[in-house]
Protein backbone atom coordinates (compact mmCIF):
# COMPACT_ATOMS: atom_id res chain seq x y z
CA MET A 1 -19.18 36.92 -16.62
CA ALA A 2 -22.42 35.15 -15.78
CA THR A 3 -25.79 36.68 -15.07
CA GLU A 4 -28.95 34.94 -13.89
CA HIS A 5 -31.71 36.24 -16.12
CA GLN A 6 -33.38 35.56 -19.44
CA LYS A 7 -32.22 38.46 -21.61
CA PRO A 8 -30.35 37.91 -24.89
CA ALA A 9 -27.00 39.53 -25.57
CA THR A 10 -26.99 43.20 -26.49
CA GLN A 11 -26.57 44.29 -30.08
CA GLN A 12 -23.07 45.52 -29.27
CA GLN A 13 -22.10 42.11 -27.93
CA GLN A 14 -23.60 40.34 -30.94
CA GLN A 15 -21.61 42.52 -33.36
CA ALA A 16 -18.33 42.13 -31.52
CA GLY A 17 -17.21 39.47 -34.00
CA VAL A 18 -16.54 35.77 -33.92
CA SER A 19 -14.84 35.94 -30.52
CA SER A 20 -18.06 37.09 -28.76
CA PHE A 21 -20.55 34.52 -27.59
CA THR A 22 -23.67 34.07 -25.47
CA LEU A 23 -24.42 30.87 -23.59
CA VAL A 24 -27.52 30.18 -21.53
CA ILE A 25 -26.85 27.48 -18.95
CA TYR A 26 -29.85 25.67 -17.41
CA GLU A 27 -29.35 23.74 -14.18
CA GLN A 28 -31.76 20.95 -15.23
CA GLU A 29 -32.18 18.86 -18.36
CA ASN A 30 -34.67 19.86 -21.10
CA PHE A 31 -33.86 23.56 -20.51
CA GLN A 32 -35.52 23.73 -17.10
CA GLY A 33 -34.54 25.10 -13.72
CA ARG A 34 -32.57 28.25 -12.98
CA CYS A 35 -30.78 29.69 -16.00
CA HIS A 36 -27.58 31.74 -16.16
CA GLU A 37 -26.41 33.81 -19.11
CA LEU A 38 -22.66 33.62 -19.81
CA THR A 39 -21.30 36.38 -22.04
CA GLY A 40 -17.57 36.14 -21.30
CA PRO A 41 -14.85 33.85 -19.97
CA SER A 42 -15.40 32.32 -16.55
CA ASN A 43 -12.73 30.24 -14.80
CA ASN A 44 -15.15 28.99 -12.15
CA LEU A 45 -18.85 28.60 -12.94
CA GLN A 46 -19.71 28.01 -9.28
CA GLU A 47 -18.31 31.42 -8.40
CA ALA A 48 -20.54 32.81 -11.13
CA GLY A 49 -23.55 31.27 -9.37
CA VAL A 50 -23.91 28.12 -11.49
CA GLU A 51 -24.42 25.13 -9.19
CA LYS A 52 -24.81 22.48 -11.90
CA VAL A 53 -25.18 22.21 -15.68
CA GLY A 54 -28.06 20.23 -17.14
CA SER A 55 -28.49 21.75 -20.61
CA ILE A 56 -26.96 24.57 -22.66
CA LEU A 57 -28.21 26.92 -25.35
CA VAL A 58 -25.40 28.46 -27.43
CA LEU A 59 -27.11 31.51 -28.88
CA CYS A 60 -24.08 32.99 -30.64
CA GLY A 61 -20.39 32.30 -30.73
CA PRO A 62 -17.85 30.07 -32.40
CA GLY A 63 -19.58 26.92 -31.14
CA ALA A 64 -18.23 24.24 -28.86
CA LYS A 65 -17.90 20.51 -28.73
CA LYS A 66 -20.95 18.93 -27.08
CA PRO A 67 -19.94 17.96 -23.51
CA GLY A 68 -21.12 14.50 -22.58
CA ASN A 69 -24.83 13.99 -23.09
CA LEU A 70 -25.72 17.63 -22.41
CA GLN A 71 -28.27 19.10 -24.79
CA THR A 72 -26.80 22.00 -26.74
CA GLN A 73 -27.74 24.23 -29.64
CA ARG A 74 -24.68 25.51 -31.54
CA LEU A 75 -24.23 28.18 -34.18
CA ALA A 76 -21.01 29.43 -35.71
CA MET A 77 -21.06 33.21 -36.02
CA PRO A 78 -21.10 35.63 -37.75
CA VAL A 79 -23.57 34.64 -40.49
CA LEU A 80 -26.47 36.44 -42.14
CA CYS A 81 -30.09 35.36 -41.70
CA SER A 82 -30.94 32.83 -44.40
CA SER A 83 -34.44 34.31 -44.72
CA CYS A 84 -34.05 38.09 -44.97
CA ALA A 85 -30.30 38.08 -45.80
CA GLU A 86 -30.03 41.45 -44.06
CA LYS A 87 -29.73 40.95 -40.31
CA ARG A 88 -27.19 38.84 -38.49
CA ALA A 89 -28.48 35.40 -37.54
CA ALA A 90 -29.18 34.96 -33.84
CA LEU A 91 -29.88 31.22 -33.82
CA LYS A 92 -29.88 28.03 -35.82
CA ARG A 93 -33.29 26.35 -35.92
CA PRO A 94 -33.11 22.83 -34.45
CA LYS A 95 -36.02 21.77 -36.68
CA THR A 96 -34.71 22.88 -40.08
CA GLY A 97 -31.08 23.89 -39.53
CA HIS A 98 -31.71 27.37 -40.98
CA SER A 99 -29.79 30.31 -39.50
CA LEU A 100 -32.28 33.06 -38.69
CA CYS A 101 -32.42 36.45 -37.07
CA LYS A 102 -34.85 36.84 -34.19
CA ASP A 103 -37.60 38.55 -36.20
CA CYS A 104 -37.55 35.92 -38.96
CA PHE A 105 -37.55 33.13 -36.38
CA PHE A 106 -40.56 34.63 -34.60
CA TRP A 107 -42.45 34.91 -37.88
CA ALA A 108 -41.53 31.37 -39.00
CA PHE A 109 -42.52 29.85 -35.66
CA GLU A 110 -45.84 31.71 -35.51
CA GLU A 111 -46.69 30.98 -39.13
CA GLU A 112 -46.04 27.25 -38.67
CA VAL A 113 -48.43 27.20 -35.70
CA HIS A 114 -50.98 29.14 -37.79
CA GLN A 115 -50.68 26.66 -40.66
CA THR A 116 -51.14 23.77 -38.21
CA ILE A 117 -54.34 25.39 -36.90
CA VAL A 118 -55.70 26.15 -40.38
CA ALA A 119 -54.78 22.80 -41.96
CA ALA A 120 -56.42 20.81 -39.16
CA LYS A 121 -59.38 23.24 -38.86
CA LEU A 122 -58.94 23.29 -35.09
CA PHE A 123 -61.27 26.21 -34.37
CA LYS A 124 -64.45 27.83 -35.62
CA HIS A 125 -65.23 31.51 -35.50
CA GLY A 126 -67.01 32.49 -32.29
CA GLU A 127 -65.84 29.52 -30.20
CA ILE A 128 -64.81 29.85 -26.56
CA VAL A 129 -61.39 28.21 -26.16
CA GLY A 130 -59.76 27.32 -22.86
CA ILE A 131 -55.95 27.29 -22.82
CA ALA A 132 -54.52 24.76 -20.36
CA ALA A 133 -52.04 26.89 -18.43
CA SER A 134 -49.43 25.44 -16.09
CA GLY A 135 -47.01 28.37 -16.07
CA GLY A 136 -44.38 26.31 -17.93
CA LYS A 137 -42.70 27.24 -21.20
CA ASP A 138 -45.10 25.27 -23.42
CA SER A 139 -48.36 26.65 -22.04
CA THR A 140 -46.92 30.18 -21.75
CA VAL A 141 -45.79 30.17 -25.39
CA LEU A 142 -49.15 28.65 -26.38
CA ALA A 143 -51.10 31.41 -24.62
CA HIS A 144 -48.88 34.11 -26.15
CA VAL A 145 -49.07 32.70 -29.70
CA MET A 146 -52.82 31.95 -29.52
CA LYS A 147 -53.59 35.52 -28.45
CA LEU A 148 -51.26 36.91 -31.14
CA LEU A 149 -52.66 34.74 -33.97
CA ASN A 150 -56.24 35.29 -32.85
CA GLU A 151 -55.71 39.04 -33.34
CA ARG A 152 -53.51 38.76 -36.45
CA TYR A 153 -55.81 36.45 -38.41
CA ASP A 154 -59.13 37.28 -36.79
CA TYR A 155 -59.94 33.76 -35.60
CA GLY A 156 -62.83 35.28 -33.67
CA LEU A 157 -62.10 33.19 -30.57
CA GLU A 158 -62.81 34.04 -26.95
CA LEU A 159 -59.73 32.85 -25.07
CA MET A 160 -59.54 31.85 -21.40
CA LEU A 161 -56.85 30.35 -19.16
CA LEU A 162 -57.56 27.14 -17.25
CA SER A 163 -55.16 25.84 -14.59
CA VAL A 164 -55.13 22.77 -12.36
CA ASP A 165 -53.69 22.92 -8.85
CA GLU A 166 -52.45 19.41 -8.07
CA GLY A 167 -51.40 20.39 -4.56
CA ILE A 168 -47.61 20.03 -4.88
CA THR A 169 -45.93 22.26 -2.31
CA GLY A 170 -42.90 24.11 -3.63
CA TYR A 171 -43.80 23.45 -7.25
CA ARG A 172 -47.39 24.04 -8.30
CA ASP A 173 -48.01 26.86 -5.84
CA ASP A 174 -45.03 28.72 -7.35
CA SER A 175 -46.01 27.99 -10.95
CA LEU A 176 -49.56 29.22 -10.33
CA GLU A 177 -48.10 32.59 -9.39
CA THR A 178 -46.61 32.67 -12.89
CA VAL A 179 -50.02 31.80 -14.37
CA LYS A 180 -51.59 34.68 -12.44
CA ARG A 181 -48.98 37.05 -13.86
CA ASN A 182 -49.71 35.67 -17.36
CA GLN A 183 -53.38 36.43 -16.78
CA GLN A 184 -52.51 40.09 -16.23
CA GLN A 185 -50.00 40.18 -19.10
CA TYR A 186 -52.36 38.64 -21.68
CA GLU A 187 -55.57 40.09 -20.18
CA LEU A 188 -57.36 36.73 -20.26
CA PRO A 189 -59.83 35.31 -17.72
CA LEU A 190 -58.39 32.59 -15.44
CA LYS A 191 -60.03 29.62 -13.73
CA ILE A 192 -58.12 27.42 -11.27
CA VAL A 193 -59.47 24.02 -10.19
CA SER A 194 -57.75 21.91 -7.55
CA TYR A 195 -57.45 18.22 -6.81
CA GLU A 196 -58.40 18.93 -3.22
CA GLU A 197 -61.75 20.48 -4.09
CA LEU A 198 -62.51 17.88 -6.79
CA TYR A 199 -61.21 14.69 -5.17
CA GLY A 200 -60.46 15.55 -1.55
CA TRP A 201 -56.77 14.70 -2.09
CA THR A 202 -53.62 16.64 -2.95
CA MET A 203 -50.63 15.13 -4.72
CA ASP A 204 -48.57 15.65 -1.57
CA ALA A 205 -51.02 13.45 0.35
CA ILE A 206 -51.19 10.90 -2.48
CA VAL A 207 -47.39 10.55 -2.63
CA LYS A 208 -47.29 9.97 1.11
CA GLN A 209 -49.59 6.98 0.61
CA VAL A 210 -48.42 5.54 -2.72
CA GLY A 211 -44.75 6.59 -2.84
CA LEU A 212 -42.84 7.87 -5.86
CA LYS A 213 -43.15 4.85 -8.14
CA ASN A 214 -46.69 5.20 -9.53
CA ASN A 215 -47.60 8.72 -8.43
CA CYS A 216 -47.56 10.06 -12.02
CA THR A 217 -50.38 7.64 -12.90
CA PHE A 218 -52.63 9.27 -10.30
CA CYS A 219 -51.65 12.79 -11.34
CA GLY A 220 -52.14 12.20 -15.07
CA VAL A 221 -55.59 10.60 -14.69
CA PHE A 222 -56.84 13.18 -12.20
CA ARG A 223 -55.50 16.11 -14.25
CA ARG A 224 -57.25 15.00 -17.42
CA GLN A 225 -60.61 14.82 -15.67
CA ALA A 226 -59.93 18.04 -13.74
CA LEU A 227 -59.35 19.90 -17.02
CA ASP A 228 -62.67 18.64 -18.34
CA ARG A 229 -64.47 19.68 -15.18
CA GLY A 230 -62.87 23.11 -15.26
CA ALA A 231 -63.76 23.49 -18.94
CA ILE A 232 -67.39 22.68 -18.17
CA MET A 233 -67.38 25.32 -15.42
CA LEU A 234 -66.07 27.88 -17.94
CA LYS A 235 -68.51 26.61 -20.61
CA VAL A 236 -65.76 26.46 -23.23
CA ASP A 237 -66.14 24.74 -26.60
CA LYS A 238 -62.57 23.41 -26.77
CA ILE A 239 -59.43 23.03 -24.69
CA CYS A 240 -56.04 23.57 -26.31
CA THR A 241 -52.99 22.12 -24.60
CA GLY A 242 -49.28 22.86 -24.91
CA HIS A 243 -48.23 19.39 -26.06
CA ASN A 244 -45.28 19.83 -28.42
CA ALA A 245 -43.65 17.54 -31.00
CA ASP A 246 -41.30 16.04 -28.41
CA ASP A 247 -44.25 15.19 -26.12
CA VAL A 248 -46.16 13.47 -28.92
CA ALA A 249 -43.11 11.47 -30.08
CA GLU A 250 -42.40 10.39 -26.49
CA THR A 251 -46.00 9.21 -26.13
CA VAL A 252 -45.73 7.16 -29.33
CA LEU A 253 -42.58 5.46 -28.01
CA MET A 254 -44.16 4.81 -24.60
CA ASN A 255 -47.24 3.19 -26.13
CA VAL A 256 -45.07 1.04 -28.42
CA LEU A 257 -43.00 -0.13 -25.46
CA ARG A 258 -46.13 -0.86 -23.42
CA GLY A 259 -47.89 -2.55 -26.33
CA ASP A 260 -50.89 -0.26 -25.83
CA ILE A 261 -52.49 -0.42 -29.28
CA ALA A 262 -55.61 1.53 -28.30
CA ARG A 263 -53.66 4.56 -27.08
CA LEU A 264 -51.14 4.22 -29.90
CA ARG A 265 -53.91 4.69 -32.46
CA ARG A 266 -55.13 7.96 -30.97
CA CYS A 267 -52.06 9.53 -29.32
CA THR A 268 -50.93 11.33 -32.51
CA ALA A 269 -54.35 12.88 -33.19
CA ILE A 270 -54.09 16.66 -33.25
CA SER A 271 -57.61 16.98 -31.92
CA THR A 272 -60.18 14.82 -30.21
CA SER A 273 -63.88 14.96 -30.92
CA SER A 274 -66.41 15.06 -28.11
CA GLU A 275 -66.36 11.59 -26.57
CA GLY A 276 -69.49 11.92 -24.46
CA ASP A 277 -71.10 14.03 -21.79
CA GLY A 278 -68.64 15.78 -19.52
CA VAL A 279 -65.80 15.60 -22.07
CA VAL A 280 -64.66 18.73 -23.91
CA PRO A 281 -62.83 18.34 -27.27
CA ARG A 282 -59.07 19.01 -27.09
CA CYS A 283 -56.46 20.11 -29.60
CA LYS A 284 -52.67 20.57 -29.82
CA PRO A 285 -51.69 23.69 -31.81
CA LEU A 286 -48.00 23.10 -30.96
CA LYS A 287 -48.04 19.46 -32.12
CA TYR A 288 -45.28 20.01 -34.70
CA ALA A 289 -43.23 22.54 -32.71
CA TYR A 290 -39.91 21.28 -31.34
CA GLU A 291 -39.32 21.75 -27.61
CA LYS A 292 -35.97 23.46 -28.29
CA GLU A 293 -37.66 26.01 -30.55
CA ILE A 294 -40.30 26.69 -27.90
CA VAL A 295 -37.46 27.39 -25.44
CA LEU A 296 -35.78 29.72 -27.96
CA TYR A 297 -39.06 31.53 -28.67
CA ALA A 298 -39.75 32.04 -24.96
CA TYR A 299 -36.17 33.16 -24.35
CA PHE A 300 -35.96 35.73 -27.13
CA LYS A 301 -39.50 37.00 -26.49
CA LYS A 302 -38.60 37.31 -22.79
CA LEU A 303 -41.81 35.54 -21.79
CA ASP A 304 -42.55 35.06 -18.11
CA TYR A 305 -42.61 31.32 -17.42
CA PHE A 306 -41.85 28.85 -14.63
CA SER A 307 -38.99 26.50 -15.52
CA THR A 308 -38.63 24.05 -12.63
CA GLU A 309 -39.38 20.36 -13.16
CA CYS A 310 -42.02 18.68 -11.00
CA ILE A 311 -40.41 17.35 -7.81
CA TYR A 312 -42.31 14.07 -8.12
CA SER A 313 -41.48 13.30 -11.78
CA PRO A 314 -37.81 12.11 -11.81
CA ASN A 315 -38.91 8.46 -11.70
CA ALA A 316 -41.62 8.86 -14.36
CA TYR A 317 -41.60 6.31 -17.19
CA ARG A 318 -41.80 9.18 -19.69
CA GLY A 319 -38.33 10.30 -18.61
CA TYR A 320 -36.76 7.16 -20.09
CA ALA A 321 -38.60 7.65 -23.40
CA ARG A 322 -37.44 11.29 -23.41
CA THR A 323 -33.80 10.32 -22.90
CA PHE A 324 -34.00 7.78 -25.72
CA LEU A 325 -35.62 10.35 -28.03
CA LYS A 326 -32.97 12.96 -27.25
CA ASP A 327 -30.26 10.45 -28.12
CA LEU A 328 -31.97 9.81 -31.46
CA GLU A 329 -32.36 13.54 -32.09
CA SER A 330 -28.65 14.17 -31.52
CA VAL A 331 -27.87 11.71 -34.34
CA ARG A 332 -30.81 12.57 -36.60
CA PRO A 333 -32.68 15.84 -35.85
CA SER A 334 -35.69 14.74 -37.88
CA SER A 335 -36.22 11.73 -35.57
CA ILE A 336 -38.93 13.56 -33.61
CA ILE A 337 -41.09 14.28 -36.67
CA ASP A 338 -40.28 10.83 -38.10
CA VAL A 339 -41.63 9.11 -34.97
CA ILE A 340 -44.79 11.25 -35.09
CA HIS A 341 -45.40 10.45 -38.78
CA SER A 342 -44.90 6.75 -38.05
CA GLY A 343 -47.58 6.95 -35.36
CA GLU A 344 -49.93 8.89 -37.66
CA ASN A 345 -49.63 6.27 -40.42
CA LEU A 346 -50.07 3.30 -38.10
CA SER A 347 -52.83 0.88 -39.05
CA VAL A 348 -54.17 -1.98 -36.98
CA ARG A 349 -55.02 -5.20 -38.76
CA ASP A 350 -58.61 -6.40 -38.88
CA GLY A 351 -59.69 -8.66 -36.07
CA VAL A 352 -57.69 -6.98 -33.31
CA LYS A 353 -59.99 -6.50 -30.34
CA MET A 354 -60.15 -2.87 -29.26
CA PRO A 355 -61.73 -1.38 -26.11
CA VAL A 356 -65.31 -0.19 -26.52
CA GLN A 357 -65.83 3.34 -25.26
CA GLY A 358 -68.59 3.69 -22.70
CA THR A 359 -69.27 5.66 -19.55
CA CYS A 360 -68.43 5.16 -15.90
CA ASN A 361 -71.32 3.73 -13.87
CA ARG A 362 -70.40 5.95 -10.93
CA CYS A 363 -69.48 9.41 -12.27
CA GLY A 364 -70.55 9.22 -15.93
CA TYR A 365 -67.09 10.02 -17.30
CA ILE A 366 -65.83 8.20 -20.41
CA SER A 367 -64.53 4.70 -19.70
CA SER A 368 -64.11 1.34 -21.39
CA GLN A 369 -64.79 -0.39 -18.06
CA ALA A 370 -67.60 -0.32 -15.52
CA LEU A 371 -65.61 2.23 -13.52
CA CYS A 372 -63.37 4.94 -14.97
CA LYS A 373 -59.72 5.04 -14.00
CA SER A 374 -60.25 8.11 -11.85
CA CYS A 375 -62.96 6.46 -9.75
CA VAL A 376 -60.87 3.30 -9.28
CA LEU A 377 -57.80 5.29 -8.20
CA LEU A 378 -59.89 7.39 -5.84
CA GLU A 379 -61.55 4.30 -4.36
CA GLY A 380 -58.12 2.78 -3.75
CA LEU A 381 -56.90 5.90 -1.97
CA ASN A 382 -60.01 6.17 0.20
CA ARG A 383 -59.80 2.48 1.17
CA GLY A 384 -56.08 2.62 1.85
CA LEU A 385 -55.47 0.29 -1.14
CA PRO A 386 -53.38 2.44 -3.48
CA LYS A 387 -52.56 -0.41 -5.87
CA LEU A 388 -56.24 -0.87 -6.76
CA GLY A 389 -55.92 1.39 -9.80
CA ILE A 390 -52.45 0.22 -10.80
CA GLY A 391 -52.47 -2.71 -13.17
CA LYS A 392 -55.51 -4.72 -14.23
CA HIS A 393 -58.08 -5.29 -11.52
CA HIS A 394 -61.26 -5.05 -13.61
CA ARG A 395 -62.78 -8.10 -11.93
CA LEU A 396 -62.99 -6.11 -8.70
CA HIS A 397 -65.13 -3.33 -10.20
CA GLY A 398 -68.33 -5.22 -9.44
CA LYS A 399 -67.42 -5.46 -5.76
CA ILE A 400 -66.54 -1.78 -5.64
CA LEU A 401 -69.82 -0.72 -7.26
CA SER A 402 -71.85 -2.90 -4.91
CA GLN A 403 -69.67 -1.75 -1.98
CA GLN A 404 -68.81 -5.33 -1.07
CA PRO A 405 -65.77 -5.85 1.18
CA LEU A 406 -62.65 -7.31 -0.43
CA THR A 407 -61.14 -10.53 0.83
CA GLU A 408 -58.05 -10.44 3.02
CA LYS A 409 -55.96 -11.83 0.15
CA GLU A 410 -57.21 -9.15 -2.25
CA GLU A 411 -56.50 -6.36 0.22
CA ARG A 412 -53.00 -7.67 0.92
CA LYS A 413 -52.15 -7.49 -2.80
CA LEU A 414 -53.46 -3.95 -3.12
CA LYS A 415 -51.81 -2.36 -0.09
CA ALA A 416 -48.64 -0.33 -0.35
CA VAL A 417 -45.47 -2.20 0.53
CA ASP A 418 -43.20 -0.64 3.17
CA PHE A 419 -39.46 -1.21 2.87
């Protein structure tokens, strides 16, 4: 029997013995997309409404052999919670391997986030904090946990939700509806800023011009600046984002593979100080939280979140780093934290030339060049030269600032190629 919802098995089902089980089947990898709960035998998953299987959570049951490269979480039942030793365990923590009941897992997860916040001194009493909200599992769990901890430990923070509308039809418009529901559920103010109002472009229009190869570069650069602009509108003191341990480890691997020493030095930082006018400090309260545990927390808490992957991201470079990291994690679960610690302890030898942080001559945003990445990308779009911001074209910044025309050869190199 399969049902399409996000409710855990009933107590009666959980106590039925070793033969009972609960599987949650997600149609996409990384526990995204439509999910179906399977609580009994099914000879045909398609008849049960399952179109494809991308990842599986085994919440309780005898366990099963991992099929192919699917991501699974297995737990042999029955077994008592290793923390309280009273209730039956509902899950096995991917991070530590401990078998916990739901209540003990909730407390452990929340306390670890609290300790991360306290140890890094992320907030000060009385600060206004904007929570970057996309409607996904990470930002939804972040908003829920931040509100809970703020009340439990009297952080004294004024919390707000901040969302960015990239203009992706069939994806962001749907996820923003989730954010609006979260606003009502958590009773927090919400501000939505859009690419169209800030830059005059939507991601749909950008993809039509640049294609699917480098579109994530545009989106990432524009989103970072859009968050800062939205934070300034809200007059917040800090922005906290839902970056989890998997995200940070993936970023370390990406910067190693690209040989980007400057980003490698700062990508593991749990917080960033103010880097100039128009830049709001950011922090990552979920930096040491595993993605799988965030999924489990959202599932058992029955949080309302949007679980579909961006339609323009399948070709993203990050996807290859994620696949590699998942392969490592399947062999050694501590690989994620190990990669993060390696990045944190990285030191660069003396004499290595590093970029000098300055400001953009056009918009005043932080930049190590005469023009910030956002202005260069926007100039390329407006001129019909989408490759202007892809790669290294710093020598052209002078021409752009002085509004000089580019040569025919330069324009030919920077135009999109049609196949």
